[in-house]
Amino acid sequence: MVDVTTEIVIARPPDVVAAYAADPDNAPEWYRNITSVTWRTPPPLTIGSEVDFVASFLGRTMAYTYIVAEHVPLTRLVMRTAPGSSFPMETTYTWRALEDARTHMTLRNRGGRAGLLPSRIMTLAMARANRADLARLRGVLEAR
């Protein structure tokens, strides 16, 4: 099992950061490993929304469905893989306003499947990927 929390400060206000990061349609732009997103339920994002993702991680292609478990706009988003997923995972985003219209964002991933890879290797790989993804997110949003 892995539990990785990554943080970043983005020089954009929380409403901009949260609206962009919480929209699954934007994920392929800032998540390097996500190749496609398909809504199972109609947008907009709300508790119970279901979204299919296809991602490539550590040389493997994974298809999974996230279900929105919590959504407090501009504050917190929690998504969990659908029951029976071959790679159970929970992803949590939080956003906090800072001075000068900046946002502190955290990205937490926890879960995983025992036996896929040793948890230390998986944790290191996920932490590296999360840091890179949040840096991409900052780059996209600060360039606007």
C-alpha atoms as a PDB file:
ATOM      1  CA  MET A   1       0.000   0.000   0.000  1.00  0.00           C
ATOM      2  CA  VAL A   2       1.144   3.540  -0.726  1.00  0.00           C
ATOM      3  CA  ASP A   3       0.296   6.856   0.875  1.00  0.00           C
ATOM      4  CA  VAL A   4       1.873   9.834  -0.875  1.00  0.00           C
ATOM      5  CA  THR A   5       1.119  13.494  -0.220  1.00  0.00           C
ATOM      6  CA  THR A   6       2.599  16.177  -2.462  1.00  0.00           C
ATOM      7  CA  GLU A   7       2.226  19.942  -2.057  1.00  0.00           C
ATOM      8  CA  ILE A   8       2.747  22.991  -4.239  1.00  0.00           C
ATOM      9  CA  VAL A   9       2.057  26.722  -4.211  1.00  0.00           C
ATOM     10  CA  ILE A  10       0.516  28.090  -7.390  1.00  0.00           C
ATOM     11  CA  ALA A  11       0.465  31.819  -8.135  1.00  0.00           C
ATOM     12  CA  ARG A  12      -3.222  31.821  -9.030  1.00  0.00           C
ATOM     13  CA  PRO A  13      -6.302  32.221  -6.793  1.00  0.00           C
ATOM     14  CA  PRO A  14      -7.996  29.123  -5.356  1.00  0.00           C
ATOM     15  CA  ASP A  15     -11.115  29.454  -7.515  1.00  0.00           C
ATOM     16  CA  VAL A  16      -8.974  29.210 -10.659  1.00  0.00           C
ATOM     17  CA  VAL A  17      -6.778  26.366  -9.383  1.00  0.00           C
ATOM     18  CA  ALA A  18      -9.628  24.309  -7.929  1.00  0.00           C
ATOM     19  CA  ALA A  19     -11.916  24.737 -10.941  1.00  0.00           C
ATOM     20  CA  TYR A  20      -9.183  23.630 -13.328  1.00  0.00           C
ATOM     21  CA  ALA A  21      -7.695  20.788 -11.248  1.00  0.00           C
ATOM     22  CA  ALA A  22     -11.089  19.353 -10.290  1.00  0.00           C
ATOM     23  CA  ASP A  23     -12.275  19.144 -13.908  1.00  0.00           C
ATOM     24  CA  PRO A  24     -11.432  15.627 -15.154  1.00  0.00           C
ATOM     25  CA  ASP A  25     -11.372  16.867 -18.757  1.00  0.00           C
ATOM     26  CA  ASN A  26      -8.203  18.819 -17.905  1.00  0.00           C
ATOM     27  CA  ALA A  27      -6.349  15.835 -16.419  1.00  0.00           C
ATOM     28  CA  PRO A  28      -4.521  14.775 -19.621  1.00  0.00           C
ATOM     29  CA  GLU A  29      -3.055  18.279 -19.886  1.00  0.00           C
ATOM     30  CA  TRP A  30      -1.400  18.279 -16.476  1.00  0.00           C
ATOM     31  CA  TYR A  31      -1.105  14.578 -15.564  1.00  0.00           C
ATOM     32  CA  ARG A  32       1.666  13.209 -17.755  1.00  0.00           C
ATOM     33  CA  ASN A  33       0.481   9.605 -17.380  1.00  0.00           C
ATOM     34  CA  ILE A  34      -3.241  10.093 -18.060  1.00  0.00           C
ATOM     35  CA  THR A  35      -3.996   9.491 -21.711  1.00  0.00           C
ATOM     36  CA  SER A  36      -7.795   9.689 -21.793  1.00  0.00           C
ATOM     37  CA  VAL A  37     -10.832  10.664 -19.749  1.00  0.00           C
ATOM     38  CA  THR A  38     -14.441   9.653 -20.394  1.00  0.00           C
ATOM     39  CA  TRP A  39     -17.424  10.695 -18.282  1.00  0.00           C
ATOM     40  CA  ARG A  40     -19.746   7.837 -17.279  1.00  0.00           C
ATOM     41  CA  THR A  41     -22.175  10.275 -15.689  1.00  0.00           C
ATOM     42  CA  PRO A  42     -22.915  13.696 -17.141  1.00  0.00           C
ATOM     43  CA  PRO A  43     -20.837  16.676 -15.989  1.00  0.00           C
ATOM     44  CA  PRO A  44     -20.488  18.758 -13.900  1.00  0.00           C
ATOM     45  CA  LEU A  45     -18.549  17.027 -11.159  1.00  0.00           C
ATOM     46  CA  THR A  46     -20.600  16.231  -8.076  1.00  0.00           C
ATOM     47  CA  ILE A  47     -20.689  13.569  -5.374  1.00  0.00           C
ATOM     48  CA  GLY A  48     -21.369  10.275  -7.122  1.00  0.00           C
ATOM     49  CA  SER A  49     -19.952  11.359 -10.493  1.00  0.00           C
ATOM     50  CA  GLU A  50     -18.147   8.552 -12.307  1.00  0.00           C
ATOM     51  CA  VAL A  51     -15.252   9.123 -14.685  1.00  0.00           C
ATOM     52  CA  ASP A  52     -13.164   6.571 -16.613  1.00  0.00           C
ATOM     53  CA  PHE A  53      -9.428   7.190 -16.886  1.00  0.00           C
ATOM     54  CA  VAL A  54      -6.739   5.448 -18.910  1.00  0.00           C
ATOM     55  CA  ALA A  55      -3.208   5.935 -17.634  1.00  0.00           C
ATOM     56  CA  SER A  56       0.252   4.574 -18.179  1.00  0.00           C
ATOM     57  CA  PHE A  57       2.379   4.084 -15.057  1.00  0.00           C
ATOM     58  CA  LEU A  58       5.638   2.187 -14.661  1.00  0.00           C
ATOM     59  CA  GLY A  59       5.258   0.665 -18.108  1.00  0.00           C
ATOM     60  CA  ARG A  60       1.721  -0.576 -17.539  1.00  0.00           C
ATOM     61  CA  THR A  61      -1.513   0.714 -19.013  1.00  0.00           C
ATOM     62  CA  MET A  62      -4.304   0.931 -16.467  1.00  0.00           C
ATOM     63  CA  ALA A  63      -7.980   1.660 -17.045  1.00  0.00           C
ATOM     64  CA  TYR A  64     -10.005   2.563 -13.984  1.00  0.00           C
ATOM     65  CA  THR A  65     -13.143   4.376 -12.902  1.00  0.00           C
ATOM     66  CA  TYR A  66     -13.085   7.063 -10.246  1.00  0.00           C
ATOM     67  CA  ILE A  67     -16.204   7.852  -8.235  1.00  0.00           C
ATOM     68  CA  VAL A  68     -16.403  11.229  -6.516  1.00  0.00           C
ATOM     69  CA  ALA A  69     -16.780  10.570  -2.783  1.00  0.00           C
ATOM     70  CA  GLU A  70     -16.467  14.155  -1.497  1.00  0.00           C
ATOM     71  CA  HIS A  71     -16.609  17.495  -3.234  1.00  0.00           C
ATOM     72  CA  VAL A  72     -16.417  20.795  -1.414  1.00  0.00           C
ATOM     73  CA  PRO A  73     -15.828  23.304  -4.234  1.00  0.00           C
ATOM     74  CA  LEU A  74     -12.675  25.404  -3.803  1.00  0.00           C
ATOM     75  CA  THR A  75     -11.653  23.329  -0.768  1.00  0.00           C
ATOM     76  CA  ARG A  76     -11.510  19.539  -1.221  1.00  0.00           C
ATOM     77  CA  LEU A  77     -12.130  16.750  -3.728  1.00  0.00           C
ATOM     78  CA  VAL A  78     -11.915  13.031  -2.952  1.00  0.00           C
ATOM     79  CA  MET A  79     -12.204  10.368  -5.652  1.00  0.00           C
ATOM     80  CA  ARG A  80     -12.011   6.601  -5.161  1.00  0.00           C
ATOM     81  CA  THR A  81     -11.681   3.820  -7.680  1.00  0.00           C
ATOM     82  CA  ALA A  82     -14.861   1.858  -8.237  1.00  0.00           C
ATOM     83  CA  PRO A  83     -15.365  -1.254  -6.097  1.00  0.00           C
ATOM     84  CA  GLY A  84     -13.596  -4.274  -7.544  1.00  0.00           C
ATOM     85  CA  SER A  85     -10.870  -2.201  -9.190  1.00  0.00           C
ATOM     86  CA  SER A  86      -7.661  -4.089  -9.870  1.00  0.00           C
ATOM     87  CA  PHE A  87      -5.749  -1.123  -8.433  1.00  0.00           C
ATOM     88  CA  PRO A  88      -7.752   0.422  -5.556  1.00  0.00           C
ATOM     89  CA  MET A  89      -6.786   4.051  -5.050  1.00  0.00           C
ATOM     90  CA  GLU A  90      -8.084   7.175  -3.360  1.00  0.00           C
ATOM     91  CA  THR A  91      -7.010  10.582  -4.669  1.00  0.00           C
ATOM     92  CA  THR A  92      -7.574  13.724  -2.619  1.00  0.00           C
ATOM     93  CA  TYR A  93      -7.024  17.319  -3.694  1.00  0.00           C
ATOM     94  CA  THR A  94      -7.146  20.195  -1.220  1.00  0.00           C
ATOM     95  CA  TRP A  95      -6.853  23.908  -1.905  1.00  0.00           C
ATOM     96  CA  ARG A  96      -6.095  26.694   0.570  1.00  0.00           C
ATOM     97  CA  ALA A  97      -5.929  30.406  -0.146  1.00  0.00           C
ATOM     98  CA  LEU A  98      -2.661  32.207   0.532  1.00  0.00           C
ATOM     99  CA  GLU A  99      -1.879  35.914   0.425  1.00  0.00           C
ATOM    100  CA  ASP A 100      -1.270  37.580  -2.937  1.00  0.00           C
ATOM    101  CA  ALA A 101      -3.943  35.462  -4.701  1.00  0.00           C
ATOM    102  CA  ARG A 102      -1.852  32.288  -4.422  1.00  0.00           C
ATOM    103  CA  THR A 103      -3.066  28.765  -3.670  1.00  0.00           C
ATOM    104  CA  HIS A 104      -1.547  25.996  -1.601  1.00  0.00           C
ATOM    105  CA  MET A 105      -2.606  22.682  -3.173  1.00  0.00           C
ATOM    106  CA  THR A 106      -2.071  19.160  -1.907  1.00  0.00           C
ATOM    107  CA  LEU A 107      -2.418  15.959  -3.881  1.00  0.00           C
ATOM    108  CA  ARG A 108      -2.682  12.751  -1.884  1.00  0.00           C
ATOM    109  CA  ASN A 109      -2.798   9.246  -3.337  1.00  0.00           C
ATOM    110  CA  ARG A 110      -3.299   6.261  -1.111  1.00  0.00           C
ATOM    111  CA  GLY A 111      -4.072   2.653  -1.811  1.00  0.00           C
ATOM    112  CA  GLY A 112      -2.621   0.297  -4.325  1.00  0.00           C
ATOM    113  CA  ARG A 113      -2.520  -3.418  -4.687  1.00  0.00           C
ATOM    114  CA  ALA A 114      -0.222  -5.606  -2.688  1.00  0.00           C
ATOM    115  CA  GLY A 115       2.160  -7.511  -4.894  1.00  0.00           C
ATOM    116  CA  LEU A 116       2.161  -5.149  -7.880  1.00  0.00           C
ATOM    117  CA  LEU A 117       5.519  -3.709  -6.827  1.00  0.00           C
ATOM    118  CA  PRO A 118       7.218  -3.401  -3.465  1.00  0.00           C
ATOM    119  CA  SER A 119       5.505  -0.510  -1.681  1.00  0.00           C
ATOM    120  CA  ARG A 120       8.761   1.467  -1.280  1.00  0.00           C
ATOM    121  CA  ILE A 121       9.372   1.442  -5.042  1.00  0.00           C
ATOM    122  CA  MET A 122       5.742   2.291  -5.751  1.00  0.00           C
ATOM    123  CA  THR A 123       5.794   5.117  -3.182  1.00  0.00           C
ATOM    124  CA  LEU A 124       8.957   6.648  -4.655  1.00  0.00           C
ATOM    125  CA  ALA A 125       7.651   6.395  -8.215  1.00  0.00           C
ATOM    126  CA  MET A 126       4.283   7.884  -7.262  1.00  0.00           C
ATOM    127  CA  ALA A 127       5.888  10.728  -5.301  1.00  0.00           C
ATOM    128  CA  ARG A 128       8.129  11.581  -8.268  1.00  0.00           C
ATOM    129  CA  ALA A 129       5.172  11.474 -10.686  1.00  0.00           C
ATOM    130  CA  ASN A 130       3.003  13.608  -8.371  1.00  0.00           C
ATOM    131  CA  ARG A 131       5.710  16.271  -8.007  1.00  0.00           C
ATOM    132  CA  ALA A 132       6.096  16.431 -11.787  1.00  0.00           C
ATOM    133  CA  ASP A 133       2.324  16.579 -12.324  1.00  0.00           C
ATOM    134  CA  LEU A 134       1.837  19.400  -9.829  1.00  0.00           C
ATOM    135  CA  ALA A 135       4.715  21.295 -11.445  1.00  0.00           C
ATOM    136  CA  ARG A 136       2.970  20.881 -14.815  1.00  0.00           C
ATOM    137  CA  LEU A 137      -0.286  22.095 -13.286  1.00  0.00           C
ATOM    138  CA  ARG A 138       1.479  25.170 -11.903  1.00  0.00           C
ATOM    139  CA  GLY A 139       3.071  25.822 -15.284  1.00  0.00           C
ATOM    140  CA  VAL A 140      -0.253  25.560 -17.120  1.00  0.00           C
ATOM    141  CA  LEU A 141      -2.109  27.821 -14.693  1.00  0.00           C
ATOM    142  CA  GLU A 142       0.602  30.427 -14.174  1.00  0.00           C
ATOM    143  CA  ALA A 143       1.042  30.796 -17.945  1.00  0.00           C
ATOM    144  CA  ARG A 144      -2.598  31.899 -18.306  1.00  0.00           C
END
